Protein backbone atom coordinates (compact mmCIF):
# COMPACT_ATOMS: atom_id res chain seq x y z
CA VAL A 1 140.84 -15.17 3.01
CA ALA A 2 139.71 -14.25 6.54
CA ILE A 3 141.36 -17.28 8.13
CA GLN A 4 144.59 -16.83 6.15
CA ALA A 5 144.73 -13.17 7.17
CA LEU A 6 143.99 -14.10 10.80
CA LEU A 7 146.82 -16.64 10.95
CA ALA A 8 149.11 -14.02 9.40
CA GLY A 9 148.20 -11.59 12.19
CA GLU A 10 146.31 -9.20 9.88
CA ILE A 11 143.48 -8.54 12.35
CA ARG A 12 142.37 -5.32 10.66
CA ILE A 13 142.12 -7.01 7.25
CA VAL A 14 140.07 -9.82 8.81
CA GLN A 15 137.60 -7.38 10.36
CA ALA A 16 137.37 -5.21 7.25
CA SER A 17 136.90 -8.11 4.81
CA MET A 18 134.11 -9.68 6.87
CA ILE A 19 132.04 -6.55 7.46
CA GLY A 20 132.80 -5.46 3.90
CA SER A 21 131.39 -8.75 2.59
CA ILE A 22 128.21 -8.10 4.57
CA PHE A 23 127.91 -4.60 3.10
CA SER A 24 128.46 -5.81 -0.47
CA ASN A 25 125.97 -8.69 -0.20
CA LEU A 26 123.34 -6.81 1.79
CA LEU A 27 123.38 -3.60 -0.24
CA LEU A 28 125.16 -4.02 -3.59
CA VAL A 29 124.10 -7.57 -4.47
CA LEU A 30 120.59 -7.44 -3.01
CA GLY A 31 120.13 -4.02 -4.58
CA GLY A 32 121.33 -5.38 -7.91
CA CYS A 33 118.86 -8.27 -7.64
CA PHE A 34 115.95 -5.93 -6.92
CA PHE A 35 116.99 -3.49 -9.66
CA VAL A 36 117.67 -5.99 -12.47
CA GLY A 37 114.65 -8.07 -11.53
CA GLY A 38 112.55 -4.89 -11.46
CA LEU A 39 113.58 -4.06 -15.02
CA HIS A 40 112.07 -7.37 -16.19
CA TYR A 41 109.06 -7.52 -13.85
CA LYS A 42 107.03 -4.75 -12.20
CA GLU A 43 107.12 -6.51 -8.83
CA GLN A 44 108.66 -9.76 -7.59
CA ALA A 45 107.58 -11.80 -4.58
CA PHE A 46 109.94 -13.51 -2.14
CA ASN A 47 109.72 -15.63 1.02
CA SER A 48 108.88 -13.21 3.84
CA THR A 49 109.64 -15.79 6.56
CA ALA A 50 113.19 -16.33 5.35
CA ALA A 51 113.77 -12.59 4.93
CA THR A 52 112.45 -11.81 8.43
CA ALA A 53 114.54 -14.57 10.03
CA ASN A 54 117.73 -13.44 8.29
CA MET A 55 117.25 -9.76 9.07
CA SER A 56 116.45 -10.51 12.72
CA LEU A 57 119.65 -12.52 13.03
CA LEU A 58 121.65 -9.74 11.37
CA ALA A 59 120.23 -7.35 13.97
CA LEU A 60 121.39 -9.79 16.66
CA SER A 61 124.90 -9.83 15.19
CA SER A 62 124.97 -6.02 15.29
CA MET A 63 124.40 -6.27 19.05
CA ALA A 64 127.45 -8.56 19.29
CA LEU A 65 129.52 -5.83 17.60
CA VAL A 66 128.25 -3.17 20.00
CA LEU A 67 128.87 -5.15 23.21
CA PRO A 68 132.72 -4.87 23.28
CA THR A 69 132.81 -1.12 22.52
CA PRO A 70 132.60 0.21 26.12
CA PHE A 71 135.59 -1.85 27.26
CA GLY A 72 138.35 -0.57 24.98
CA GLU A 73 139.31 1.04 21.68
CA TYR A 74 139.04 -1.10 18.54
CA TYR A 75 142.83 -1.22 18.13
CA ASP A 76 143.37 -2.28 21.75
CA ILE A 77 143.00 -5.97 20.91
CA GLU A 78 144.85 -7.16 24.03
CA GLU A 79 142.26 -5.70 26.40
CA HIS A 80 141.07 -8.69 28.45
CA GLU A 81 137.49 -7.52 28.88
CA VAL A 82 137.11 -6.93 25.13
CA LEU A 83 138.47 -10.40 24.41
CA ALA A 84 136.18 -12.02 26.98
CA VAL A 85 133.03 -10.28 25.70
CA SER A 86 133.95 -11.03 22.08
CA ARG A 87 134.54 -14.71 22.77
CA PHE A 88 131.30 -15.17 24.70
CA ALA A 89 129.39 -13.30 21.97
CA ALA A 90 131.03 -15.50 19.31
CA VAL A 91 129.82 -18.66 21.07
CA PHE A 92 126.26 -17.30 21.30
CA LEU A 93 126.26 -16.29 17.61
CA MET A 94 127.40 -19.73 16.49
CA PHE A 95 124.71 -21.27 18.69
CA MET A 96 122.10 -19.10 16.94
CA TYR A 97 123.49 -20.14 13.54
CA LEU A 98 123.04 -23.79 14.52
CA GLN A 99 119.42 -23.05 15.45
CA LEU A 100 118.92 -21.33 12.08
CA LEU A 101 120.10 -24.46 10.30
CA ILE A 102 117.68 -26.59 12.32
CA PHE A 103 114.88 -24.12 11.52
CA GLN A 104 115.62 -24.11 7.78
CA LEU A 105 116.44 -27.78 7.27
CA LYS A 106 114.25 -29.59 9.80
CA THR A 107 111.43 -27.92 11.70
CA HIS A 108 110.35 -25.43 9.00
CA GLY A 109 111.99 -26.85 5.90
CA HIS A 110 108.72 -26.68 3.96
CA LEU A 111 108.88 -22.88 4.03
CA PHE A 112 112.17 -22.90 2.13
CA GLU A 113 111.34 -25.42 -0.58
CA GLY A 114 111.48 -24.11 -4.13
CA GLU A 115 108.45 -24.07 -6.35
CA ASP A 116 110.20 -26.05 -9.07
CA GLU A 117 112.78 -28.74 -8.47
CA ALA A 118 115.31 -28.71 -11.30
CA GLU A 119 117.09 -31.91 -12.27
CA PRO A 120 120.72 -31.89 -11.05
CA GLU A 121 123.28 -31.50 -13.83
CA MET A 122 126.09 -33.11 -11.82
CA HIS A 123 126.27 -36.13 -9.56
CA PHE A 124 126.57 -35.38 -5.84
CA SER A 125 129.99 -37.05 -5.43
CA SER A 126 131.36 -35.15 -8.44
CA ALA A 127 130.08 -31.89 -7.00
CA ILE A 128 131.71 -32.58 -3.62
CA PHE A 129 135.02 -33.42 -5.31
CA GLY A 130 134.85 -30.25 -7.38
CA LEU A 131 134.09 -28.11 -4.33
CA THR A 132 136.93 -29.69 -2.35
CA ALA A 133 139.44 -29.13 -5.14
CA THR A 134 138.27 -25.55 -5.65
CA THR A 135 138.49 -24.84 -1.91
CA ALA A 136 142.07 -26.15 -1.83
CA VAL A 137 143.08 -23.91 -4.73
CA ILE A 138 141.36 -20.89 -3.15
CA ALA A 139 143.17 -21.55 0.15
CA ILE A 140 146.53 -21.48 -1.65
CA LEU A 141 145.68 -18.35 -3.63
CA SER A 142 144.33 -16.64 -0.51
CA GLU A 143 147.71 -16.99 1.15
CA TYR A 144 149.35 -15.16 -1.77
CA LEU A 145 146.58 -12.55 -1.73
CA VAL A 146 147.04 -11.76 1.95
CA GLY A 147 150.79 -11.51 1.49
CA SER A 148 150.43 -8.98 -1.32
CA ILE A 149 148.09 -6.57 0.47
CA ASP A 150 150.81 -4.48 2.12
CA GLY A 151 152.69 -4.02 -1.15
CA PHE A 152 149.52 -3.10 -3.02
CA CYS A 153 148.52 -0.51 -0.41
CA THR A 154 152.01 1.01 -0.40
CA GLU A 155 152.23 1.30 -4.18
CA SER A 156 148.65 2.44 -4.81
CA GLY A 157 148.23 4.69 -1.77
CA ILE A 158 144.86 3.04 -1.04
CA SER A 159 144.21 2.41 2.65
CA ARG A 160 144.14 -1.12 4.03
CA THR A 161 140.65 -0.38 5.34
CA PHE A 162 139.30 0.39 1.85
CA VAL A 163 140.99 -2.70 0.41
CA GLY A 164 139.44 -4.93 3.05
CA LEU A 165 136.01 -3.30 3.12
CA ILE A 166 135.39 -2.69 -0.58
CA ILE A 167 137.90 -4.23 -2.99
CA LEU A 168 138.35 -7.71 -1.48
CA PRO A 169 134.62 -8.44 -0.94
CA VAL A 170 133.58 -7.22 -4.42
CA VAL A 171 136.38 -8.96 -6.32
CA GLY A 172 136.46 -12.08 -4.17
CA ASN A 173 132.72 -12.71 -4.40
CA ALA A 174 132.18 -11.53 -7.99
CA VAL A 175 130.92 -14.90 -9.27
CA GLU A 176 128.46 -15.22 -6.39
CA HIS A 177 127.23 -11.68 -7.03
CA ILE A 178 126.67 -12.31 -10.74
CA THR A 179 124.82 -15.54 -9.95
CA ALA A 180 122.42 -13.79 -7.58
CA VAL A 181 121.60 -11.02 -10.06
CA SER A 182 121.16 -13.47 -12.97
CA VAL A 183 118.65 -15.64 -11.08
CA ALA A 184 116.76 -12.51 -10.00
CA ALA A 185 116.40 -11.61 -13.68
CA LYS A 186 114.71 -15.02 -14.12
CA ASP A 187 112.21 -14.19 -11.36
CA LYS A 188 113.76 -16.64 -8.86
CA MET A 189 113.84 -14.16 -6.01
CA ASP A 190 113.95 -16.71 -3.19
CA LEU A 191 117.19 -18.10 -4.60
CA ALA A 192 118.59 -14.60 -5.13
CA MET A 193 117.65 -13.60 -1.57
CA GLY A 194 119.25 -16.80 -0.29
CA VAL A 195 122.53 -15.92 -1.99
CA ALA A 196 122.54 -12.25 -0.98
CA VAL A 197 120.96 -12.06 2.48
CA GLY A 198 121.75 -15.68 3.38
CA SER A 199 125.45 -15.04 2.79
CA CYS A 200 125.32 -12.06 5.16
CA THR A 201 123.75 -14.20 7.87
CA GLN A 202 126.37 -16.91 7.35
CA ILE A 203 129.22 -14.39 7.64
CA SER A 204 127.84 -12.60 10.70
CA LEU A 205 126.69 -15.68 12.64
CA PHE A 206 129.28 -18.25 11.56
CA VAL A 207 132.38 -16.89 9.81
CA MET A 208 132.86 -13.85 12.04
CA PRO A 209 132.56 -15.73 15.36
CA LEU A 210 134.57 -18.62 13.89
CA THR A 211 137.55 -16.30 13.37
CA VAL A 212 137.28 -15.26 17.03
CA ILE A 213 137.22 -18.90 18.15
CA ILE A 214 140.12 -19.87 15.85
CA GLY A 215 142.10 -16.88 17.11
CA TRP A 216 141.34 -17.95 20.68
CA CYS A 217 142.66 -21.47 19.99
CA ALA A 218 145.71 -20.18 18.09
CA GLY A 219 146.62 -17.58 20.71
CA ILE A 220 145.72 -14.65 18.42
CA ASP A 221 143.73 -11.81 19.95
CA MET A 222 140.85 -11.53 17.47
CA THR A 223 137.92 -9.47 18.79
CA LEU A 224 134.52 -8.21 17.66
CA ASN A 225 135.44 -4.64 18.61
CA PHE A 226 135.17 -2.84 15.25
CA PRO A 227 135.66 0.90 14.60
CA HIS A 228 132.52 2.76 15.71
CA PHE A 229 131.98 4.31 12.28
CA GLU A 230 131.68 0.86 10.71
CA ILE A 231 129.33 -0.41 13.43
CA PHE A 232 127.02 2.57 12.96
CA LEU A 233 126.89 2.03 9.21
CA PHE A 234 126.28 -1.69 9.69
CA ILE A 235 123.31 -1.04 11.99
CA LEU A 236 121.88 1.59 9.63
CA SER A 237 122.26 -0.80 6.68
CA VAL A 238 120.37 -3.53 8.54
CA ILE A 239 117.59 -1.05 9.33
CA ILE A 240 117.32 0.16 5.71
CA VAL A 241 117.21 -3.36 4.29
CA SER A 242 114.72 -4.46 6.96
CA ILE A 243 112.38 -1.67 5.85
CA CYS A 244 112.77 -2.68 2.20
CA VAL A 245 111.99 -6.36 2.82
CA SER A 246 109.16 -5.70 5.31
CA ASN A 247 106.84 -5.98 2.31
CA PRO A 248 107.52 -9.33 0.53
CA MET A 249 107.51 -7.63 -2.88
CA SER A 250 110.49 -5.98 -4.55
CA ASN A 251 110.84 -3.39 -7.33
CA TRP A 252 113.60 -1.55 -9.14
CA LEU A 253 113.37 1.57 -6.95
CA GLU A 254 114.25 -0.39 -3.82
CA GLY A 255 117.19 -1.88 -5.69
CA SER A 256 118.42 1.56 -6.71
CA LEU A 257 118.07 2.74 -3.10
CA LEU A 258 120.20 -0.13 -1.76
CA MET A 259 122.93 0.30 -4.40
CA THR A 260 123.02 4.05 -3.76
CA THR A 261 123.42 3.34 -0.05
CA TYR A 262 126.39 1.09 -0.84
CA LEU A 263 128.04 3.75 -3.01
CA MET A 264 127.62 6.31 -0.23
CA ILE A 265 129.19 3.92 2.28
CA ALA A 266 132.08 3.16 -0.11
CA THR A 267 132.71 6.90 -0.45
CA GLY A 268 132.85 7.23 3.32
CA PHE A 269 135.27 4.31 3.62
CA TRP A 270 137.56 5.88 1.00
CA PHE A 271 138.14 8.78 3.38
CA GLU A 272 138.05 6.75 6.61
CA ARG A 273 141.26 6.79 8.60
CA VAL A 274 141.72 4.15 11.28
CA VAL A 275 144.65 2.94 13.33
CA ASP A 276 146.21 -0.07 11.61
CA PHE A 277 147.00 -2.97 13.91
């Protein structure tokens, strides 16, 4: 969706959908995992190393969002200094994502191995074919989705910001969200944390900078200069979640806290008014 919106020149939708996906995964989904898991178990343990690594990298990505702010307003996407800072920051973020992959898959892979290795229900080649076909269908549907946003906003009166920040991330990632909560209910918190927090890290360190790089190559001025209100809430969300996962045990109260935080943020976004560009 982000790439389709970028190629269509919908810079604001791209920014809103990406940071909205981070909010929904980091607060709503992770909170749902903690809450539902806490209803079945008093406390649940998770991998503290993975949680610390992901939260540290999310904090790094928040710095990348702050860096362009002194050089121009968020809607001034043609400001050369903003573009330069955003593009350099995007390269650094993707470099850090590459290091994270090396850390997880090679040098410290033993820290991320599951306790029980389930037998695969599908052959690897069949899975790859299924993923490729599904991705192709999603790419086609995403183009229709992006094209219908303006009409939906006009008819419903809902702002483009709220659509990008709340509606698209929740609806678009509904299956992923349900999966994370269902595995948390089975006391597989490492997998649930991987889906929820891992997705946030992937968006902030790979997808977000990738849109900047693609825009750079396509001659589209995509920047990391977000509205200040959204940056503040992003930083506060990272801080709140970091406090919750500082102890590698979760309970239902922490889940309720994170979901409440998301609802408060959604309320603020409903009334947010930004310059569309």
